[in-house]
C-alpha atoms as a PDB file:
ATOM      1  CA  UNK A   1     101.168 100.631  97.562  1.00  0.00           C
ATOM      2  CA  UNK A   2     102.066  97.465  99.304  1.00  0.00           C
ATOM      3  CA  UNK A   3     102.474  97.097 103.072  1.00  0.00           C
ATOM      4  CA  UNK A   4     103.193  94.134 105.285  1.00  0.00           C
ATOM      5  CA  UNK A   5     103.809  94.022 109.104  1.00  0.00           C
ATOM      6  CA  UNK A   6     106.590  92.136 110.767  1.00  0.00           C
ATOM      7  CA  UNK A   7     103.963  89.848 112.391  1.00  0.00           C
ATOM      8  CA  UNK A   8     102.457  89.044 109.078  1.00  0.00           C
ATOM      9  CA  UNK A   9     105.962  88.320 107.651  1.00  0.00           C
ATOM     10  CA  UNK A  10     106.770  86.029 110.489  1.00  0.00           C
ATOM     11  CA  UNK A  11     103.536  83.984 109.874  1.00  0.00           C
ATOM     12  CA  UNK A  12     104.096  83.801 105.972  1.00  0.00           C
ATOM     13  CA  UNK A  13     105.057  80.548 104.302  1.00  0.00           C
ATOM     14  CA  UNK A  14     108.749  80.079 103.319  1.00  0.00           C
ATOM     15  CA  UNK A  15     109.545  80.529  99.615  1.00  0.00           C
ATOM     16  CA  UNK A  16     110.677  77.590  97.434  1.00  0.00           C
ATOM     17  CA  UNK A  17     112.580  77.667  94.279  1.00  0.00           C
ATOM     18  CA  UNK A  18     109.491  78.195  92.084  1.00  0.00           C
ATOM     19  CA  UNK A  19     106.102  79.996  92.340  1.00  0.00           C
ATOM     20  CA  UNK A  20     102.758  79.246  90.741  1.00  0.00           C
ATOM     21  CA  UNK A  21     101.904  82.444  88.912  1.00  0.00           C
ATOM     22  CA  UNK A  22      98.469  83.762  89.533  1.00  0.00           C
ATOM     23  CA  UNK A  23      98.579  85.780  86.223  1.00  0.00           C
ATOM     24  CA  UNK A  24      99.299  82.926  83.723  1.00  0.00           C
ATOM     25  CA  UNK A  25      99.020  79.741  85.869  1.00  0.00           C
ATOM     26  CA  UNK A  26     102.606  78.555  85.057  1.00  0.00           C
ATOM     27  CA  UNK A  27     105.505  77.964  87.438  1.00  0.00           C
ATOM     28  CA  UNK A  28     108.291  80.595  87.409  1.00  0.00           C
ATOM     29  CA  UNK A  29     111.805  80.464  88.987  1.00  0.00           C
ATOM     30  CA  UNK A  30     112.224  82.754  92.000  1.00  0.00           C
ATOM     31  CA  UNK A  31     115.159  85.144  91.691  1.00  0.00           C
ATOM     32  CA  UNK A  32     116.828  87.373  94.220  1.00  0.00           C
ATOM     33  CA  UNK A  33     118.350  90.793  94.216  1.00  0.00           C
ATOM     34  CA  UNK A  34     121.835  91.858  95.201  1.00  0.00           C
ATOM     35  CA  UNK A  35     122.899  94.258  97.955  1.00  0.00           C
ATOM     36  CA  UNK A  36     125.309  96.964  96.965  1.00  0.00           C
ATOM     37  CA  UNK A  37     128.112  97.310  99.439  1.00  0.00           C
ATOM     38  CA  UNK A  38     129.827 100.663 100.184  1.00  0.00           C
ATOM     39  CA  UNK A  39     132.724  99.766  97.870  1.00  0.00           C
ATOM     40  CA  UNK A  40     130.332  99.208  94.987  1.00  0.00           C
ATOM     41  CA  UNK A  41     130.516  95.364  94.891  1.00  0.00           C
ATOM     42  CA  UNK A  42     127.490  93.252  94.851  1.00  0.00           C
ATOM     43  CA  UNK A  43     126.521  90.667  97.376  1.00  0.00           C
ATOM     44  CA  UNK A  44     123.739  88.190  96.969  1.00  0.00           C
ATOM     45  CA  UNK A  45     120.734  89.007  99.225  1.00  0.00           C
ATOM     46  CA  UNK A  46     117.441  87.284  99.909  1.00  0.00           C
ATOM     47  CA  UNK A  47     115.789  90.490 101.048  1.00  0.00           C
ATOM     48  CA  UNK A  48     113.602  90.784  97.939  1.00  0.00           C
ATOM     49  CA  UNK A  49     112.421  87.863  95.928  1.00  0.00           C
ATOM     50  CA  UNK A  50     110.913  88.266  92.453  1.00  0.00           C
ATOM     51  CA  UNK A  51     109.897  86.516  89.226  1.00  0.00           C
ATOM     52  CA  UNK A  52     109.291  87.248  85.639  1.00  0.00           C
ATOM     53  CA  UNK A  53     106.034  86.446  83.864  1.00  0.00           C
ATOM     54  CA  UNK A  54     106.550  87.455  80.260  1.00  0.00           C
ATOM     55  CA  UNK A  55     107.934  90.936  80.210  1.00  0.00           C
ATOM     56  CA  UNK A  56     106.694  91.867  83.576  1.00  0.00           C
ATOM     57  CA  UNK A  57     108.456  91.491  86.987  1.00  0.00           C
ATOM     58  CA  UNK A  58     106.463  90.598  90.177  1.00  0.00           C
ATOM     59  CA  UNK A  59     107.307  90.665  93.877  1.00  0.00           C
ATOM     60  CA  UNK A  60     107.334  87.049  95.226  1.00  0.00           C
ATOM     61  CA  UNK A  61     108.725  87.404  98.812  1.00  0.00           C
ATOM     62  CA  UNK A  62     110.720  89.358 101.429  1.00  0.00           C
ATOM     63  CA  UNK A  63     113.355  87.801 103.551  1.00  0.00           C
ATOM     64  CA  UNK A  64     112.638  84.351 102.154  1.00  0.00           C
ATOM     65  CA  UNK A  65     108.919  84.447 102.955  1.00  0.00           C
ATOM     66  CA  UNK A  66     106.050  84.403 100.456  1.00  0.00           C
ATOM     67  CA  UNK A  67     104.096  87.604 100.246  1.00  0.00           C
END
């Protein structure tokens, strides 16, 4: 389980375009999810940021901030 408070998120560093992976030591491109609108269309959203390291997916940030 992962929890983070609004005050912690406010103090977090902003995300860039890449992240230094603590699993493999390489840089990975940060990707973002899409928000599904009521009519079923997708809209880009920066709510959740993630990256791939090999076959695994890792959380990188929330609302443009590093977690």
